[in-house]
Amino acid sequence: MNSHTADDHRSLPRCAFAWCVTPHGDTVHPADEDHRSEGAGFTIRTRDAGDHGAGTVHDVEIGVLRRQDDDATWIVVEAGGCSSFAVHVDDAGEIGRRLIVESRRARSTDGPGAEVMAP
């Protein structure tokens, strides 16, 4: 993602995407011209299906991405080191709703099998 804000480069032409904070025209590499939102950081845990224990902790950043050669906008989770996954913007809302449902279920004090209300 990109830590710049649109106001950091007022003299540069504005992007057609209101969420884009890429300083278009002020980048070094052509790939840096991709459209990126400001992004937000989180800590996650990963582990392979066969692993046990605490797994590995990673800092990730989530935001909006539309590469120059894309015909769609994506919600991307970047873990650094060229590792990422992307969700089509049309599917992101359902994933968000499901995360809310599952976080409510995980915090439930009613025990196993408790009904969880949809958001």
C-alpha atoms as a PDB file:
ATOM      1  CA  MET A   1       0.000   0.000   0.000  1.00  0.00           C
ATOM      2  CA  ASN A   2       1.016   3.588  -0.034  1.00  0.00           C
ATOM      3  CA  SER A   3       1.513   5.897   2.953  1.00  0.00           C
ATOM      4  CA  HIS A   4       1.091   9.055   0.880  1.00  0.00           C
ATOM      5  CA  THR A   5      -2.124  11.002   0.993  1.00  0.00           C
ATOM      6  CA  ALA A   6      -3.632  12.845  -1.940  1.00  0.00           C
ATOM      7  CA  ASP A   7      -2.770  16.190  -0.315  1.00  0.00           C
ATOM      8  CA  ASP A   8       0.962  15.348  -0.255  1.00  0.00           C
ATOM      9  CA  HIS A   9       1.181  15.994  -4.002  1.00  0.00           C
ATOM     10  CA  ARG A  10      -1.286  18.785  -4.791  1.00  0.00           C
ATOM     11  CA  SER A  11       0.692  19.903  -7.859  1.00  0.00           C
ATOM     12  CA  LEU A  12       0.367  16.501  -9.537  1.00  0.00           C
ATOM     13  CA  PRO A  13      -2.670  15.581 -11.616  1.00  0.00           C
ATOM     14  CA  ARG A  14      -5.440  13.980  -9.569  1.00  0.00           C
ATOM     15  CA  CYS A  15      -6.296  10.374 -10.199  1.00  0.00           C
ATOM     16  CA  ALA A  16      -9.722   9.338 -11.490  1.00  0.00           C
ATOM     17  CA  PHE A  17     -10.112   7.078  -8.425  1.00  0.00           C
ATOM     18  CA  ALA A  18     -10.982   9.172  -5.349  1.00  0.00           C
ATOM     19  CA  TRP A  19      -9.438   6.570  -3.008  1.00  0.00           C
ATOM     20  CA  CYS A  20      -6.080   6.499  -4.826  1.00  0.00           C
ATOM     21  CA  VAL A  21      -3.137   8.067  -2.992  1.00  0.00           C
ATOM     22  CA  THR A  22      -0.441   7.128  -5.531  1.00  0.00           C
ATOM     23  CA  PRO A  23       1.626  10.196  -6.418  1.00  0.00           C
ATOM     24  CA  HIS A  24       1.123   9.656 -10.163  1.00  0.00           C
ATOM     25  CA  GLY A  25       3.909  11.179 -12.208  1.00  0.00           C
ATOM     26  CA  ASP A  26       6.173  11.358  -9.155  1.00  0.00           C
ATOM     27  CA  THR A  27       7.149   7.672  -9.057  1.00  0.00           C
ATOM     28  CA  VAL A  28      10.381   5.945 -10.084  1.00  0.00           C
ATOM     29  CA  HIS A  29       9.215   2.608 -11.477  1.00  0.00           C
ATOM     30  CA  PRO A  30       6.269   2.019 -13.859  1.00  0.00           C
ATOM     31  CA  ALA A  31       4.749  -0.530 -11.428  1.00  0.00           C
ATOM     32  CA  ASP A  32       4.630   2.258  -8.836  1.00  0.00           C
ATOM     33  CA  GLU A  33       1.925   3.916 -10.955  1.00  0.00           C
ATOM     34  CA  ASP A  34      -0.656   1.328  -9.846  1.00  0.00           C
ATOM     35  CA  HIS A  35      -3.679   2.780  -8.055  1.00  0.00           C
ATOM     36  CA  ARG A  36      -3.464   2.167  -4.288  1.00  0.00           C
ATOM     37  CA  SER A  37      -5.447   3.322  -1.286  1.00  0.00           C
ATOM     38  CA  GLU A  38      -3.843   4.449   1.946  1.00  0.00           C
ATOM     39  CA  GLY A  39      -4.292   1.015   3.561  1.00  0.00           C
ATOM     40  CA  ALA A  40      -4.447  -0.144   7.173  1.00  0.00           C
ATOM     41  CA  GLY A  41      -2.125  -2.479   9.065  1.00  0.00           C
ATOM     42  CA  PHE A  42      -3.022  -5.568  11.095  1.00  0.00           C
ATOM     43  CA  THR A  43      -1.280  -8.488  12.739  1.00  0.00           C
ATOM     44  CA  ILE A  44      -2.339 -11.972  11.636  1.00  0.00           C
ATOM     45  CA  ARG A  45      -1.318 -15.553  12.377  1.00  0.00           C
ATOM     46  CA  THR A  46      -0.677 -18.185   9.730  1.00  0.00           C
ATOM     47  CA  ARG A  47       0.066 -21.872   9.880  1.00  0.00           C
ATOM     48  CA  ASP A  48      -0.080 -24.791   7.487  1.00  0.00           C
ATOM     49  CA  ALA A  49      -2.936 -27.265   7.852  1.00  0.00           C
ATOM     50  CA  GLY A  50      -0.624 -29.909   9.303  1.00  0.00           C
ATOM     51  CA  ASP A  51       1.065 -27.576  11.775  1.00  0.00           C
ATOM     52  CA  HIS A  52       0.295 -27.327  15.472  1.00  0.00           C
ATOM     53  CA  GLY A  53       1.119 -24.614  17.926  1.00  0.00           C
ATOM     54  CA  ALA A  54       1.103 -20.860  17.674  1.00  0.00           C
ATOM     55  CA  GLY A  55       1.974 -20.568  13.986  1.00  0.00           C
ATOM     56  CA  THR A  56       3.758 -17.531  12.583  1.00  0.00           C
ATOM     57  CA  VAL A  57       2.792 -13.922  13.249  1.00  0.00           C
ATOM     58  CA  HIS A  58       2.841 -11.482  10.316  1.00  0.00           C
ATOM     59  CA  ASP A  59       2.171  -7.792   9.895  1.00  0.00           C
ATOM     60  CA  VAL A  60      -0.106  -7.246   6.896  1.00  0.00           C
ATOM     61  CA  GLU A  61      -1.678  -4.269   5.201  1.00  0.00           C
ATOM     62  CA  ILE A  62      -5.121  -4.218   3.626  1.00  0.00           C
ATOM     63  CA  GLY A  63      -6.342  -1.712   1.079  1.00  0.00           C
ATOM     64  CA  VAL A  64      -7.664  -1.104  -2.410  1.00  0.00           C
ATOM     65  CA  LEU A  65      -5.522  -1.931  -5.452  1.00  0.00           C
ATOM     66  CA  ARG A  66      -6.056  -1.566  -9.155  1.00  0.00           C
ATOM     67  CA  ARG A  67      -2.997  -2.330 -11.223  1.00  0.00           C
ATOM     68  CA  GLN A  68      -2.537  -0.621 -14.576  1.00  0.00           C
ATOM     69  CA  ASP A  69      -3.289  -3.843 -16.441  1.00  0.00           C
ATOM     70  CA  ASP A  70      -6.338  -4.785 -14.305  1.00  0.00           C
ATOM     71  CA  ASP A  71      -9.878  -4.400 -15.532  1.00  0.00           C
ATOM     72  CA  ALA A  72     -11.222  -4.662 -11.967  1.00  0.00           C
ATOM     73  CA  THR A  73     -10.563  -3.198  -8.528  1.00  0.00           C
ATOM     74  CA  TRP A  74      -9.391  -5.528  -5.765  1.00  0.00           C
ATOM     75  CA  ILE A  75      -9.139  -5.523  -1.990  1.00  0.00           C
ATOM     76  CA  VAL A  76      -5.608  -6.735  -1.357  1.00  0.00           C
ATOM     77  CA  VAL A  77      -3.906  -8.065   1.756  1.00  0.00           C
ATOM     78  CA  GLU A  78      -0.149  -7.654   1.452  1.00  0.00           C
ATOM     79  CA  ALA A  79       2.250  -9.454   3.762  1.00  0.00           C
ATOM     80  CA  GLY A  80       5.480  -8.045   2.350  1.00  0.00           C
ATOM     81  CA  GLY A  81       8.115 -10.044   0.556  1.00  0.00           C
ATOM     82  CA  CYS A  82       5.943 -10.153  -2.576  1.00  0.00           C
ATOM     83  CA  SER A  83       3.293 -12.165  -0.729  1.00  0.00           C
ATOM     84  CA  SER A  84      -0.340 -11.116  -1.000  1.00  0.00           C
ATOM     85  CA  PHE A  85      -3.847 -12.213  -1.805  1.00  0.00           C
ATOM     86  CA  ALA A  86      -6.647 -10.226  -3.379  1.00  0.00           C
ATOM     87  CA  VAL A  87     -10.431 -10.372  -3.156  1.00  0.00           C
ATOM     88  CA  HIS A  88     -12.626  -8.894  -5.874  1.00  0.00           C
ATOM     89  CA  VAL A  89     -14.332  -5.755  -4.602  1.00  0.00           C
ATOM     90  CA  ASP A  90     -17.745  -7.361  -5.256  1.00  0.00           C
ATOM     91  CA  ASP A  91     -16.942 -10.183  -2.806  1.00  0.00           C
ATOM     92  CA  ALA A  92     -15.357  -8.042  -0.085  1.00  0.00           C
ATOM     93  CA  GLY A  93     -18.681  -7.084   1.524  1.00  0.00           C
ATOM     94  CA  GLU A  94     -19.672 -10.717   2.051  1.00  0.00           C
ATOM     95  CA  ILE A  95     -16.275 -11.500   3.558  1.00  0.00           C
ATOM     96  CA  GLY A  96     -16.641  -8.494   5.871  1.00  0.00           C
ATOM     97  CA  ARG A  97     -20.116  -9.616   6.981  1.00  0.00           C
ATOM     98  CA  ARG A  98     -18.827 -13.133   7.582  1.00  0.00           C
ATOM     99  CA  LEU A  99     -15.924 -11.828   9.678  1.00  0.00           C
ATOM    100  CA  ILE A 100     -18.425  -9.959  11.868  1.00  0.00           C
ATOM    101  CA  VAL A 101     -20.588 -13.072  12.304  1.00  0.00           C
ATOM    102  CA  GLU A 102     -17.589 -15.239  13.154  1.00  0.00           C
ATOM    103  CA  SER A 103     -16.124 -12.690  15.584  1.00  0.00           C
ATOM    104  CA  ARG A 104     -19.490 -12.569  17.388  1.00  0.00           C
ATOM    105  CA  ARG A 105     -19.550 -16.355  17.492  1.00  0.00           C
ATOM    106  CA  ALA A 106     -15.995 -16.450  18.895  1.00  0.00           C
ATOM    107  CA  ARG A 107     -16.920 -13.947  21.634  1.00  0.00           C
ATOM    108  CA  SER A 108     -20.159 -15.701  22.509  1.00  0.00           C
ATOM    109  CA  THR A 109     -20.501 -16.659  26.167  1.00  0.00           C
ATOM    110  CA  ASP A 110     -23.380 -19.019  25.411  1.00  0.00           C
ATOM    111  CA  GLY A 111     -21.053 -21.907  24.593  1.00  0.00           C
ATOM    112  CA  PRO A 112     -20.925 -24.274  21.622  1.00  0.00           C
ATOM    113  CA  GLY A 113     -23.876 -24.241  19.245  1.00  0.00           C
ATOM    114  CA  ALA A 114     -25.048 -20.748  20.212  1.00  0.00           C
ATOM    115  CA  GLU A 115     -27.076 -18.987  17.549  1.00  0.00           C
ATOM    116  CA  VAL A 116     -25.341 -15.979  16.009  1.00  0.00           C
ATOM    117  CA  MET A 117     -27.395 -13.150  14.569  1.00  0.00           C
ATOM    118  CA  ALA A 118     -26.383 -11.921  11.117  1.00  0.00           C
ATOM    119  CA  PRO A 119     -25.315  -8.272  10.986  1.00  0.00           C
END
